[in-house]
Amino acid sequence: MSRPPSCPRMMCARVLLLLSVTGLVLACETGPSSGDYEQAVMQDRVQRDMQMREKESVLPPGRREAFRGLNFYEVDPAYRYTVPLRRFETPDTVMIPESTGDLRPQQRVGEVTVPLPEGPEELVVFRGEGDTPRGRLWIPFADSTNRHATYKGGRYVDLTSTDSDSVVVDFNRAYNPTCAYNPDFACPLPPPENRIAVPVAAGEKRPTFGG
């Protein structure tokens, strides 16, 4: 039985290159699409709105009856960033003012630079004093939308770790502090270093209450 002829070395290299490129294309096509991302954000928003309407929500009874639902900016993937987390060699604990006038300890973990459409902004990343070393990382921030479009006291965004050096900062998932719905709660206020001069037109807006 005759053996099939072997392909020339150059031809084999081209075949392997073509298979490699095809594999990459298929991998990109089967990855998460922007539509999947937007749908996931919208589902989270619906769930948060439903939780606000429950009897056990943070809304006091009087405000719950007047609650007309959560408001959000349109989902914009341009406000989702995967950026390096520059951890401080020695994280320090600071006392952040709260909406009630009290102080709350928060650990300054590091910094991130987010490439907003108007230009990059450096923001400090915090971890709650009571959280574990692998617990929640978050950014309390204020921007120029506060008071007229978003809550006057600023908003929060929780970070998702991708590895030891990078985090996802997704402003489409930015949310109001609890005191935006119930002033009896004490909420940490964004520190001066996390005040952004430009508008962050993403995430949760001011809640709506009817008469």
N, C-alpha and C. Protein backbone atom coordinates (compact mmCIF):
# COMPACT_ATOMS: atom_id res chain seq x y z
N MET A 1 0.85 -1.19 0.00
CA MET A 1 0.00 0.00 0.00
C MET A 1 0.88 1.23 0.00
N SER A 2 0.61 2.14 -0.91
CA SER A 2 1.45 3.34 -0.98
C SER A 2 1.02 4.34 0.08
N ARG A 3 1.98 5.01 0.67
CA ARG A 3 1.72 6.03 1.68
C ARG A 3 1.31 7.32 1.01
N PRO A 4 0.42 8.11 1.64
CA PRO A 4 0.05 9.40 1.06
C PRO A 4 1.26 10.31 1.04
N PRO A 5 1.39 11.09 0.01
CA PRO A 5 2.54 11.97 -0.08
C PRO A 5 2.53 12.99 1.05
N SER A 6 3.68 13.23 1.64
CA SER A 6 3.78 14.23 2.70
C SER A 6 3.79 15.61 2.08
N CYS A 7 3.16 16.58 2.80
CA CYS A 7 3.10 17.94 2.26
C CYS A 7 4.44 18.62 2.44
N PRO A 8 4.79 19.47 1.52
CA PRO A 8 6.03 20.23 1.68
C PRO A 8 6.02 21.03 2.97
N ARG A 9 7.21 21.32 3.52
CA ARG A 9 7.31 22.00 4.80
C ARG A 9 6.61 23.36 4.79
N MET A 10 6.75 24.13 3.72
CA MET A 10 6.15 25.45 3.64
C MET A 10 4.63 25.34 3.63
N MET A 11 4.10 24.34 2.88
CA MET A 11 2.65 24.16 2.81
C MET A 11 2.09 23.76 4.17
N CYS A 12 2.79 22.88 4.88
CA CYS A 12 2.34 22.46 6.20
C CYS A 12 2.28 23.65 7.16
N ALA A 13 3.27 24.51 7.05
CA ALA A 13 3.29 25.69 7.92
C ALA A 13 2.09 26.58 7.65
N ARG A 14 1.74 26.72 6.36
CA ARG A 14 0.58 27.55 6.02
C ARG A 14 -0.71 26.94 6.54
N VAL A 15 -0.83 25.58 6.43
CA VAL A 15 -2.01 24.91 6.92
C VAL A 15 -2.16 25.11 8.43
N LEU A 16 -1.05 24.94 9.15
CA LEU A 16 -1.09 25.14 10.60
C LEU A 16 -1.46 26.56 10.97
N LEU A 17 -0.93 27.54 10.22
CA LEU A 17 -1.25 28.94 10.48
C LEU A 17 -2.73 29.21 10.25
N LEU A 18 -3.27 28.61 9.15
CA LEU A 18 -4.69 28.80 8.85
C LEU A 18 -5.56 28.20 9.95
N LEU A 19 -5.20 27.00 10.40
CA LEU A 19 -5.97 26.37 11.48
C LEU A 19 -5.90 27.19 12.75
N SER A 20 -4.72 27.76 13.04
CA SER A 20 -4.55 28.57 14.23
C SER A 20 -5.42 29.81 14.17
N VAL A 21 -5.41 30.51 13.03
CA VAL A 21 -6.22 31.72 12.87
C VAL A 21 -7.69 31.39 12.96
N THR A 22 -8.10 30.26 12.31
CA THR A 22 -9.51 29.85 12.37
C THR A 22 -9.94 29.59 13.80
N GLY A 23 -9.05 28.95 14.56
CA GLY A 23 -9.37 28.68 15.95
C GLY A 23 -9.56 29.95 16.75
N LEU A 24 -8.72 30.95 16.49
CA LEU A 24 -8.86 32.22 17.18
C LEU A 24 -10.17 32.90 16.83
N VAL A 25 -10.54 32.87 15.56
CA VAL A 25 -11.79 33.48 15.14
C VAL A 25 -12.97 32.80 15.82
N LEU A 26 -12.95 31.46 15.85
CA LEU A 26 -14.03 30.75 16.49
C LEU A 26 -14.10 31.06 17.97
N ALA A 27 -12.94 31.20 18.60
CA ALA A 27 -12.91 31.51 20.03
C ALA A 27 -13.52 32.88 20.28
N CYS A 28 -13.25 33.85 19.41
CA CYS A 28 -13.82 35.18 19.57
C CYS A 28 -15.33 35.16 19.37
N GLU A 29 -15.77 34.36 18.40
CA GLU A 29 -17.20 34.35 18.11
C GLU A 29 -17.99 33.68 19.22
N THR A 30 -17.39 32.71 19.91
CA THR A 30 -18.11 32.01 20.96
C THR A 30 -17.96 32.70 22.31
N GLY A 31 -17.20 33.77 22.41
CA GLY A 31 -17.04 34.50 23.66
C GLY A 31 -18.26 35.35 23.95
N PRO A 32 -18.34 35.94 25.17
CA PRO A 32 -19.49 36.77 25.54
C PRO A 32 -19.58 38.00 24.66
N SER A 33 -20.78 38.28 24.19
CA SER A 33 -21.00 39.43 23.32
C SER A 33 -21.45 40.62 24.14
N SER A 34 -21.45 41.80 23.49
CA SER A 34 -21.92 43.00 24.18
C SER A 34 -23.40 42.86 24.53
N GLY A 35 -24.16 42.13 23.68
CA GLY A 35 -25.56 41.90 23.98
C GLY A 35 -25.75 41.09 25.24
N ASP A 36 -24.91 40.06 25.44
CA ASP A 36 -24.97 39.26 26.66
C ASP A 36 -24.66 40.11 27.88
N TYR A 37 -23.67 40.98 27.74
CA TYR A 37 -23.29 41.85 28.85
C TYR A 37 -24.43 42.80 29.22
N GLU A 38 -25.02 43.43 28.23
CA GLU A 38 -26.12 44.36 28.48
C GLU A 38 -27.31 43.65 29.12
N GLN A 39 -27.59 42.44 28.66
CA GLN A 39 -28.70 41.68 29.22
C GLN A 39 -28.43 41.36 30.69
N ALA A 40 -27.19 40.99 31.02
CA ALA A 40 -26.85 40.67 32.40
C ALA A 40 -27.02 41.89 33.31
N VAL A 41 -26.58 43.06 32.83
CA VAL A 41 -26.74 44.29 33.61
C VAL A 41 -28.21 44.61 33.81
N MET A 42 -29.01 44.47 32.76
CA MET A 42 -30.43 44.77 32.85
C MET A 42 -31.13 43.82 33.83
N GLN A 43 -30.75 42.56 33.84
CA GLN A 43 -31.34 41.60 34.78
C GLN A 43 -31.02 41.99 36.22
N ASP A 44 -29.79 42.41 36.47
CA ASP A 44 -29.41 42.84 37.81
C ASP A 44 -30.21 44.07 38.23
N ARG A 45 -30.47 44.96 37.29
CA ARG A 45 -31.23 46.18 37.61
C ARG A 45 -32.68 45.83 37.95
N VAL A 46 -33.28 44.92 37.21
CA VAL A 46 -34.65 44.51 37.50
C VAL A 46 -34.73 43.87 38.88
N GLN A 47 -33.74 43.03 39.20
CA GLN A 47 -33.73 42.37 40.50
C GLN A 47 -33.59 43.38 41.62
N ARG A 48 -32.74 44.38 41.44
CA ARG A 48 -32.56 45.41 42.47
C ARG A 48 -33.85 46.21 42.65
N ASP A 49 -34.51 46.53 41.57
CA ASP A 49 -35.76 47.26 41.66
C ASP A 49 -36.82 46.46 42.42
N MET A 50 -36.90 45.16 42.14
CA MET A 50 -37.87 44.31 42.82
C MET A 50 -37.56 44.21 44.31
N GLN A 51 -36.27 44.15 44.64
CA GLN A 51 -35.90 44.07 46.06
C GLN A 51 -36.30 45.34 46.80
N MET A 52 -36.24 46.48 46.13
CA MET A 52 -36.63 47.73 46.76
C MET A 52 -38.12 47.77 47.08
N ARG A 53 -38.91 47.01 46.37
CA ARG A 53 -40.36 47.02 46.55
C ARG A 53 -40.82 46.04 47.62
N GLU A 54 -39.90 45.21 48.12
CA GLU A 54 -40.28 44.23 49.13
C GLU A 54 -40.44 44.89 50.50
N LYS A 55 -41.19 44.24 51.37
CA LYS A 55 -41.45 44.79 52.70
C LYS A 55 -40.17 44.89 53.53
N GLU A 56 -39.22 44.00 53.24
CA GLU A 56 -37.98 43.98 54.02
C GLU A 56 -36.92 44.92 53.44
N SER A 57 -37.26 45.73 52.47
CA SER A 57 -36.26 46.60 51.85
C SER A 57 -35.88 47.73 52.80
N VAL A 58 -34.87 48.50 52.40
CA VAL A 58 -34.40 49.61 53.24
C VAL A 58 -35.37 50.78 53.24
N LEU A 59 -36.33 50.78 52.33
CA LEU A 59 -37.28 51.88 52.28
C LEU A 59 -38.20 51.85 53.50
N PRO A 60 -38.36 52.98 54.19
CA PRO A 60 -39.34 53.02 55.27
C PRO A 60 -40.75 52.93 54.69
N PRO A 61 -41.73 52.47 55.48
CA PRO A 61 -43.08 52.26 54.95
C PRO A 61 -43.65 53.45 54.19
N GLY A 62 -43.48 54.64 54.69
CA GLY A 62 -44.04 55.82 54.03
C GLY A 62 -43.44 56.06 52.65
N ARG A 63 -42.15 55.87 52.54
CA ARG A 63 -41.48 56.08 51.26
C ARG A 63 -41.72 54.92 50.30
N ARG A 64 -41.94 53.72 50.84
CA ARG A 64 -42.18 52.57 49.98
C ARG A 64 -43.48 52.76 49.19
N GLU A 65 -44.47 53.35 49.81
CA GLU A 65 -45.73 53.60 49.11
C GLU A 65 -45.56 54.62 48.00
N ALA A 66 -44.63 55.56 48.18
CA ALA A 66 -44.42 56.60 47.17
C ALA A 66 -43.34 56.24 46.16
N PHE A 67 -42.70 55.09 46.35
CA PHE A 67 -41.61 54.69 45.47
C PHE A 67 -42.13 54.40 44.07
N ARG A 68 -41.51 55.01 43.08
CA ARG A 68 -41.94 54.84 41.69
C ARG A 68 -40.93 54.06 40.84
N GLY A 69 -39.91 53.55 41.47
CA GLY A 69 -38.97 52.72 40.74
C GLY A 69 -37.59 53.34 40.61
N LEU A 70 -36.63 52.50 40.29
CA LEU A 70 -35.25 52.95 40.09
C LEU A 70 -35.08 53.51 38.69
N ASN A 71 -34.16 54.46 38.57
CA ASN A 71 -33.82 55.05 37.28
C ASN A 71 -32.36 54.78 36.97
N PHE A 72 -32.07 54.52 35.70
CA PHE A 72 -30.71 54.20 35.30
C PHE A 72 -30.37 54.90 33.98
N TYR A 73 -29.09 55.12 33.79
CA TYR A 73 -28.60 55.49 32.47
C TYR A 73 -28.65 54.26 31.57
N GLU A 74 -28.65 54.49 30.27
CA GLU A 74 -28.57 53.38 29.33
C GLU A 74 -27.24 52.63 29.54
N VAL A 75 -27.29 51.32 29.36
CA VAL A 75 -26.07 50.53 29.50
C VAL A 75 -25.09 50.92 28.39
N ASP A 76 -23.89 51.28 28.80
CA ASP A 76 -22.85 51.69 27.85
C ASP A 76 -21.57 50.92 28.15
N PRO A 77 -21.22 49.92 27.32
CA PRO A 77 -20.01 49.14 27.58
C PRO A 77 -18.74 49.99 27.65
N ALA A 78 -18.78 51.22 27.14
CA ALA A 78 -17.60 52.07 27.20
C ALA A 78 -17.25 52.47 28.63
N TYR A 79 -18.18 52.28 29.57
CA TYR A 79 -17.93 52.62 30.97
C TYR A 79 -17.54 51.40 31.80
N ARG A 80 -17.15 50.33 31.14
CA ARG A 80 -16.65 49.15 31.84
C ARG A 80 -15.17 48.99 31.52
N TYR A 81 -14.34 48.94 32.57
CA TYR A 81 -12.89 48.93 32.37
C TYR A 81 -12.24 47.80 33.17
N THR A 82 -11.30 47.14 32.53
CA THR A 82 -10.41 46.22 33.23
C THR A 82 -9.06 46.90 33.34
N VAL A 83 -8.67 47.22 34.57
CA VAL A 83 -7.48 48.06 34.79
C VAL A 83 -6.59 47.45 35.87
N PRO A 84 -5.31 47.76 35.84
CA PRO A 84 -4.42 47.28 36.90
C PRO A 84 -4.75 47.94 38.24
N LEU A 85 -4.66 47.16 39.29
CA LEU A 85 -4.80 47.67 40.65
C LEU A 85 -3.41 47.86 41.24
N ARG A 86 -3.04 49.10 41.46
CA ARG A 86 -1.74 49.41 42.06
C ARG A 86 -1.89 49.38 43.58
N ARG A 87 -1.56 48.26 44.16
CA ARG A 87 -1.73 48.09 45.60
C ARG A 87 -0.67 48.88 46.38
N PHE A 88 -1.10 49.49 47.47
CA PHE A 88 -0.16 50.18 48.34
C PHE A 88 0.69 49.15 49.09
N GLU A 89 1.96 49.45 49.27
CA GLU A 89 2.84 48.52 49.99
C GLU A 89 2.34 48.32 51.41
N THR A 90 1.87 49.40 52.02
CA THR A 90 1.32 49.32 53.38
C THR A 90 -0.06 49.96 53.39
N PRO A 91 -1.12 49.16 53.21
CA PRO A 91 -2.47 49.73 53.25
C PRO A 91 -2.73 50.40 54.60
N ASP A 92 -3.32 51.58 54.56
CA ASP A 92 -3.61 52.30 55.79
C ASP A 92 -5.11 52.45 55.97
N THR A 93 -5.52 52.60 57.22
CA THR A 93 -6.93 52.75 57.56
C THR A 93 -7.21 54.22 57.83
N VAL A 94 -8.25 54.73 57.18
CA VAL A 94 -8.64 56.13 57.35
C VAL A 94 -10.08 56.17 57.85
N MET A 95 -10.45 57.29 58.43
CA MET A 95 -11.82 57.49 58.90
C MET A 95 -12.56 58.35 57.88
N ILE A 96 -13.56 57.76 57.25
CA ILE A 96 -14.33 58.45 56.21
C ILE A 96 -15.61 59.03 56.83
N PRO A 97 -15.90 60.31 56.57
CA PRO A 97 -17.16 60.89 57.08
C PRO A 97 -18.38 60.18 56.51
N GLU A 98 -19.41 60.10 57.32
CA GLU A 98 -20.67 59.50 56.90
C GLU A 98 -21.76 60.56 56.75
N SER A 99 -22.85 60.18 56.13
CA SER A 99 -23.95 61.11 55.88
C SER A 99 -24.57 61.62 57.18
N THR A 100 -24.42 60.87 58.27
CA THR A 100 -24.99 61.27 59.56
C THR A 100 -24.04 62.12 60.38
N GLY A 101 -22.83 62.32 59.88
CA GLY A 101 -21.85 63.10 60.63
C GLY A 101 -20.85 62.25 61.39
N ASP A 102 -21.09 60.95 61.45
CA ASP A 102 -20.15 60.06 62.12
C ASP A 102 -18.99 59.72 61.20
N LEU A 103 -18.06 58.91 61.70
CA LEU A 103 -16.91 58.48 60.93
C LEU A 103 -16.89 56.95 60.86
N ARG A 104 -16.43 56.43 59.73
CA ARG A 104 -16.35 54.98 59.57
C ARG A 104 -14.96 54.59 59.08
N PRO A 105 -14.32 53.59 59.70
CA PRO A 105 -12.99 53.17 59.24
C PRO A 105 -13.06 52.41 57.93
N GLN A 106 -12.17 52.77 57.01
CA GLN A 106 -12.05 52.08 55.73
C GLN A 106 -10.57 51.94 55.39
N GLN A 107 -10.21 50.81 54.84
CA GLN A 107 -8.81 50.56 54.49
C GLN A 107 -8.53 50.98 53.06
N ARG A 108 -7.54 51.82 52.87
CA ARG A 108 -7.10 52.23 51.54
C ARG A 108 -6.20 51.13 50.99
N VAL A 109 -6.69 50.43 49.96
CA VAL A 109 -5.98 49.25 49.44
C VAL A 109 -5.00 49.62 48.34
N GLY A 110 -5.42 50.52 47.44
CA GLY A 110 -4.58 50.87 46.31
C GLY A 110 -5.26 51.91 45.43
N GLU A 111 -4.79 52.01 44.19
CA GLU A 111 -5.32 52.98 43.25
C GLU A 111 -5.54 52.32 41.89
N VAL A 112 -6.49 52.89 41.13
CA VAL A 112 -6.70 52.49 39.74
C VAL A 112 -6.81 53.76 38.89
N THR A 113 -6.48 53.62 37.63
CA THR A 113 -6.67 54.70 36.67
C THR A 113 -7.73 54.24 35.67
N VAL A 114 -8.85 54.95 35.62
CA VAL A 114 -9.93 54.58 34.70
C VAL A 114 -9.93 55.56 33.52
N PRO A 115 -9.90 55.06 32.29
CA PRO A 115 -9.83 55.92 31.11
C PRO A 115 -11.22 56.42 30.68
N LEU A 116 -11.78 57.34 31.44
CA LEU A 116 -13.08 57.90 31.10
C LEU A 116 -13.03 58.60 29.75
N PRO A 117 -14.17 58.75 29.08
CA PRO A 117 -14.16 59.39 27.76
C PRO A 117 -13.53 60.78 27.76
N GLU A 118 -13.69 61.51 28.88
CA GLU A 118 -13.13 62.87 28.94
C GLU A 118 -11.66 62.89 29.38
N GLY A 119 -11.13 61.74 29.77
CA GLY A 119 -9.74 61.68 30.20
C GLY A 119 -9.59 60.75 31.39
N PRO A 120 -8.37 60.28 31.65
CA PRO A 120 -8.15 59.33 32.74
C PRO A 120 -8.34 59.96 34.11
N GLU A 121 -8.83 59.16 35.05
CA GLU A 121 -9.02 59.59 36.43
C GLU A 121 -8.41 58.56 37.37
N GLU A 122 -7.67 59.03 38.36
CA GLU A 122 -7.11 58.14 39.37
C GLU A 122 -8.05 58.11 40.58
N LEU A 123 -8.40 56.90 41.00
CA LEU A 123 -9.33 56.73 42.10
C LEU A 123 -8.75 55.77 43.13
N VAL A 124 -9.07 56.03 44.40
CA VAL A 124 -8.59 55.19 45.49
C VAL A 124 -9.58 54.05 45.72
N VAL A 125 -9.05 52.85 45.89
CA VAL A 125 -9.84 51.65 46.14
C VAL A 125 -9.83 51.37 47.64
N PHE A 126 -11.02 51.04 48.17
CA PHE A 126 -11.16 50.79 49.60
C PHE A 126 -11.64 49.38 49.87
N ARG A 127 -11.38 48.95 51.10
CA ARG A 127 -11.96 47.72 51.63
C ARG A 127 -12.50 48.05 53.02
N GLY A 128 -13.73 47.60 53.31
CA GLY A 128 -14.30 47.86 54.62
C GLY A 128 -13.44 47.29 55.73
N GLU A 129 -13.37 47.99 56.85
CA GLU A 129 -12.52 47.57 57.95
C GLU A 129 -12.90 46.17 58.45
N GLY A 130 -14.18 45.83 58.38
CA GLY A 130 -14.62 44.53 58.86
C GLY A 130 -14.53 43.43 57.83
N ASP A 131 -14.18 43.76 56.58
CA ASP A 131 -14.10 42.75 55.53
C ASP A 131 -12.82 41.94 55.65
N THR A 132 -12.86 40.72 55.13
CA THR A 132 -11.68 39.87 55.13
C THR A 132 -10.68 40.38 54.09
N PRO A 133 -9.41 39.94 54.16
CA PRO A 133 -8.42 40.38 53.16
C PRO A 133 -8.84 40.12 51.73
N ARG A 134 -9.67 39.12 51.50
CA ARG A 134 -10.16 38.82 50.15
C ARG A 134 -11.61 39.32 49.96
N GLY A 135 -12.04 40.20 50.87
CA GLY A 135 -13.41 40.68 50.81
C GLY A 135 -13.61 41.76 49.76
N ARG A 136 -14.74 42.44 49.87
CA ARG A 136 -15.19 43.38 48.85
C ARG A 136 -14.24 44.56 48.69
N LEU A 137 -13.91 44.85 47.45
CA LEU A 137 -13.20 46.07 47.10
C LEU A 137 -14.21 47.02 46.45
N TRP A 138 -14.15 48.29 46.78
CA TRP A 138 -15.14 49.21 46.26
C TRP A 138 -14.58 50.62 46.15
N ILE A 139 -15.27 51.43 45.36
CA ILE A 139 -14.87 52.82 45.15
C ILE A 139 -16.07 53.72 45.42
N PRO A 140 -16.03 54.53 46.46
CA PRO A 140 -17.04 55.58 46.62
C PRO A 140 -16.59 56.78 45.79
N PHE A 141 -17.47 57.28 44.92
CA PHE A 141 -17.05 58.37 44.05
C PHE A 141 -18.17 59.40 43.89
N ALA A 142 -17.77 60.61 43.59
CA ALA A 142 -18.69 61.70 43.26
C ALA A 142 -18.32 62.23 41.89
N ASP A 143 -19.30 62.77 41.17
CA ASP A 143 -19.02 63.33 39.85
C ASP A 143 -20.00 64.46 39.58
N SER A 144 -19.90 65.08 38.43
CA SER A 144 -20.69 66.28 38.15
C SER A 144 -22.16 66.00 37.87
N THR A 145 -22.58 64.73 37.87
CA THR A 145 -24.00 64.44 37.71
C THR A 145 -24.75 64.51 39.03
N ASN A 146 -24.01 64.56 40.15
CA ASN A 146 -24.65 64.56 41.46
C ASN A 146 -25.57 65.77 41.62
N ARG A 147 -26.65 65.56 42.33
CA ARG A 147 -27.69 66.55 42.64
C ARG A 147 -28.72 66.68 41.53
N HIS A 148 -28.31 66.89 40.28
CA HIS A 148 -29.32 67.11 39.25
C HIS A 148 -29.73 65.82 38.53
N ALA A 149 -28.86 64.82 38.46
CA ALA A 149 -29.21 63.57 37.78
C ALA A 149 -29.02 62.35 38.67
N THR A 150 -28.04 62.40 39.55
CA THR A 150 -27.77 61.28 40.45
C THR A 150 -27.80 61.77 41.89
N TYR A 151 -27.72 60.84 42.81
CA TYR A 151 -27.83 61.17 44.23
C TYR A 151 -26.76 62.19 44.64
N LYS A 152 -27.19 63.16 45.43
CA LYS A 152 -26.31 64.28 45.80
C LYS A 152 -25.07 63.86 46.57
N GLY A 153 -25.16 62.75 47.30
CA GLY A 153 -24.04 62.32 48.12
C GLY A 153 -23.05 61.43 47.42
N GLY A 154 -23.20 61.23 46.10
CA GLY A 154 -22.28 60.37 45.37
C GLY A 154 -22.80 58.95 45.25
N ARG A 155 -22.01 58.11 44.62
CA ARG A 155 -22.41 56.72 44.39
C ARG A 155 -21.26 55.78 44.70
N TYR A 156 -21.55 54.48 44.64
CA TYR A 156 -20.56 53.45 44.91
C TYR A 156 -20.46 52.53 43.69
N VAL A 157 -19.29 51.91 43.52
CA VAL A 157 -19.13 50.85 42.53
C VAL A 157 -18.25 49.77 43.14
N ASP A 158 -18.74 48.53 43.14
CA ASP A 158 -17.97 47.39 43.63
C ASP A 158 -17.08 46.87 42.51
N LEU A 159 -15.90 46.39 42.88
CA LEU A 159 -14.93 45.92 41.90
C LEU A 159 -14.93 44.39 41.85
N THR A 160 -14.64 43.88 40.67
CA THR A 160 -14.50 42.44 40.47
C THR A 160 -13.05 42.14 40.13
N SER A 161 -12.43 41.24 40.88
CA SER A 161 -11.04 40.90 40.64
C SER A 161 -10.94 39.90 39.50
N THR A 162 -10.01 40.17 38.56
CA THR A 162 -9.76 39.23 37.47
C THR A 162 -8.52 38.39 37.77
N ASP A 163 -7.56 38.96 38.45
CA ASP A 163 -6.38 38.24 38.92
C ASP A 163 -5.78 39.09 40.03
N SER A 164 -4.56 38.78 40.43
CA SER A 164 -3.95 39.50 41.56
C SER A 164 -3.59 40.93 41.22
N ASP A 165 -3.57 41.28 39.95
CA ASP A 165 -3.09 42.60 39.55
C ASP A 165 -4.14 43.46 38.87
N SER A 166 -5.28 42.91 38.48
CA SER A 166 -6.27 43.68 37.73
C SER A 166 -7.66 43.54 38.33
N VAL A 167 -8.48 44.57 38.11
CA VAL A 167 -9.87 44.56 38.58
C VAL A 167 -10.76 45.12 37.48
N VAL A 168 -12.05 44.79 37.55
CA VAL A 168 -13.04 45.35 36.64
C VAL A 168 -13.77 46.47 37.36
N VAL A 169 -13.73 47.67 36.78
CA VAL A 169 -14.47 48.82 37.30
C VAL A 169 -15.61 49.07 36.31
N ASP A 170 -16.82 48.73 36.72
CA ASP A 170 -17.97 48.81 35.82
C ASP A 170 -18.95 49.86 36.33
N PHE A 171 -18.88 51.05 35.75
CA PHE A 171 -19.76 52.13 36.20
C PHE A 171 -21.21 51.90 35.79
N ASN A 172 -21.48 50.98 34.86
CA ASN A 172 -22.87 50.63 34.56
C ASN A 172 -23.54 49.99 35.76
N ARG A 173 -22.75 49.47 36.69
CA ARG A 173 -23.26 48.85 37.90
C ARG A 173 -23.10 49.77 39.12
N ALA A 174 -22.78 51.04 38.90
CA ALA A 174 -22.71 51.98 40.01
C ALA A 174 -24.10 52.13 40.65
N TYR A 175 -24.12 52.23 41.97
CA TYR A 175 -25.40 52.27 42.67
C TYR A 175 -25.39 53.33 43.77
N ASN A 176 -26.59 53.72 44.17
CA ASN A 176 -26.74 54.72 45.22
C ASN A 176 -26.49 54.11 46.59
N PRO A 177 -25.96 54.88 47.52
CA PRO A 177 -25.86 54.39 48.90
C PRO A 177 -27.24 54.25 49.51
N THR A 178 -27.33 53.48 50.59
CA THR A 178 -28.62 53.21 51.22
C THR A 178 -29.32 54.48 51.68
N CYS A 179 -28.55 55.48 52.11
CA CYS A 179 -29.16 56.71 52.63
C CYS A 179 -29.89 57.49 51.54
N ALA A 180 -29.71 57.15 50.28
CA ALA A 180 -30.47 57.79 49.21
C ALA A 180 -31.93 57.38 49.29
N TYR A 181 -32.20 56.24 49.93
CA TYR A 181 -33.56 55.72 50.04
C TYR A 181 -34.10 55.83 51.45
N ASN A 182 -33.21 55.85 52.42
CA ASN A 182 -33.62 55.97 53.82
C ASN A 182 -32.58 56.81 54.56
N PRO A 183 -32.90 58.06 54.87
CA PRO A 183 -31.91 58.95 55.50
C PRO A 183 -31.50 58.53 56.90
N ASP A 184 -32.18 57.53 57.47
CA ASP A 184 -31.79 57.06 58.79
C ASP A 184 -30.51 56.22 58.75
N PHE A 185 -30.15 55.74 57.57
CA PHE A 185 -28.93 54.95 57.42
C PHE A 185 -27.72 55.88 57.34
N ALA A 186 -26.58 55.40 57.83
CA ALA A 186 -25.32 56.13 57.74
C ALA A 186 -24.52 55.58 56.57
N CYS A 187 -24.16 56.46 55.64
CA CYS A 187 -23.45 56.03 54.43
C CYS A 187 -22.13 56.78 54.30
N PRO A 188 -21.04 56.06 54.04
CA PRO A 188 -19.75 56.73 53.81
C PRO A 188 -19.83 57.67 52.60
N LEU A 189 -19.24 58.84 52.74
CA LEU A 189 -19.22 59.81 51.66
C LEU A 189 -17.92 59.69 50.86
N PRO A 190 -17.97 59.94 49.56
CA PRO A 190 -16.75 59.84 48.76
C PRO A 190 -15.68 60.81 49.27
N PRO A 191 -14.45 60.34 49.41
CA PRO A 191 -13.36 61.22 49.85
C PRO A 191 -12.97 62.20 48.74
N PRO A 192 -12.27 63.27 49.09
CA PRO A 192 -11.89 64.27 48.08
C PRO A 192 -11.13 63.69 46.89
N GLU A 193 -10.26 62.68 47.11
CA GLU A 193 -9.46 62.13 46.01
C GLU A 193 -10.30 61.34 45.02
N ASN A 194 -11.55 61.02 45.38
CA ASN A 194 -12.43 60.30 44.47
C ASN A 194 -13.55 61.17 43.91
N ARG A 195 -13.31 62.48 43.88
CA ARG A 195 -14.29 63.39 43.28
C ARG A 195 -13.87 63.66 41.83
N ILE A 196 -14.73 63.26 40.91
CA ILE A 196 -14.47 63.35 39.47
C ILE A 196 -15.14 64.61 38.93
N ALA A 197 -14.38 65.42 38.23
CA ALA A 197 -14.90 66.71 37.75
C ALA A 197 -15.86 66.55 36.58
N VAL A 198 -15.75 65.47 35.84
CA VAL A 198 -16.58 65.27 34.64
C VAL A 198 -17.77 64.38 34.99
N PRO A 199 -18.81 64.35 34.14
CA PRO A 199 -19.96 63.48 34.42
C PRO A 199 -19.65 62.02 34.13
N VAL A 200 -20.10 61.14 35.01
CA VAL A 200 -20.05 59.70 34.77
C VAL A 200 -21.48 59.28 34.46
N ALA A 201 -21.83 59.33 33.18
CA ALA A 201 -23.21 59.10 32.74
C ALA A 201 -23.47 57.61 32.61
N ALA A 202 -23.41 56.91 33.72
CA ALA A 202 -23.61 55.46 33.74
C ALA A 202 -24.11 55.07 35.12
N GLY A 203 -24.82 53.95 35.17
CA GLY A 203 -25.27 53.43 36.44
C GLY A 203 -26.58 54.01 36.91
N GLU A 204 -26.75 53.99 38.22
CA GLU A 204 -28.02 54.35 38.84
C GLU A 204 -28.19 55.86 38.99
N LYS A 205 -29.39 56.33 38.67
CA LYS A 205 -29.74 57.75 38.85
C LYS A 205 -30.48 57.94 40.17
N ARG A 206 -30.98 59.15 40.39
CA ARG A 206 -31.76 59.41 41.58
C ARG A 206 -33.06 58.58 41.55
N PRO A 207 -33.48 58.05 42.69
CA PRO A 207 -34.75 57.32 42.71
C PRO A 207 -35.93 58.26 42.54
N THR A 208 -37.06 57.72 42.11
CA THR A 208 -38.26 58.50 41.89
C THR A 208 -39.30 58.19 42.97
N PHE A 209 -39.80 59.22 43.61
CA PHE A 209 -40.87 59.07 44.61
C PHE A 209 -42.02 59.98 44.20
N GLY A 210 -43.22 59.44 44.22
CA GLY A 210 -44.40 60.22 43.89
C GLY A 210 -45.04 60.79 45.14
N GLY A 211 -46.02 61.66 44.93
CA GLY A 211 -46.69 62.29 46.05
C GLY A 211 -47.74 61.40 46.67
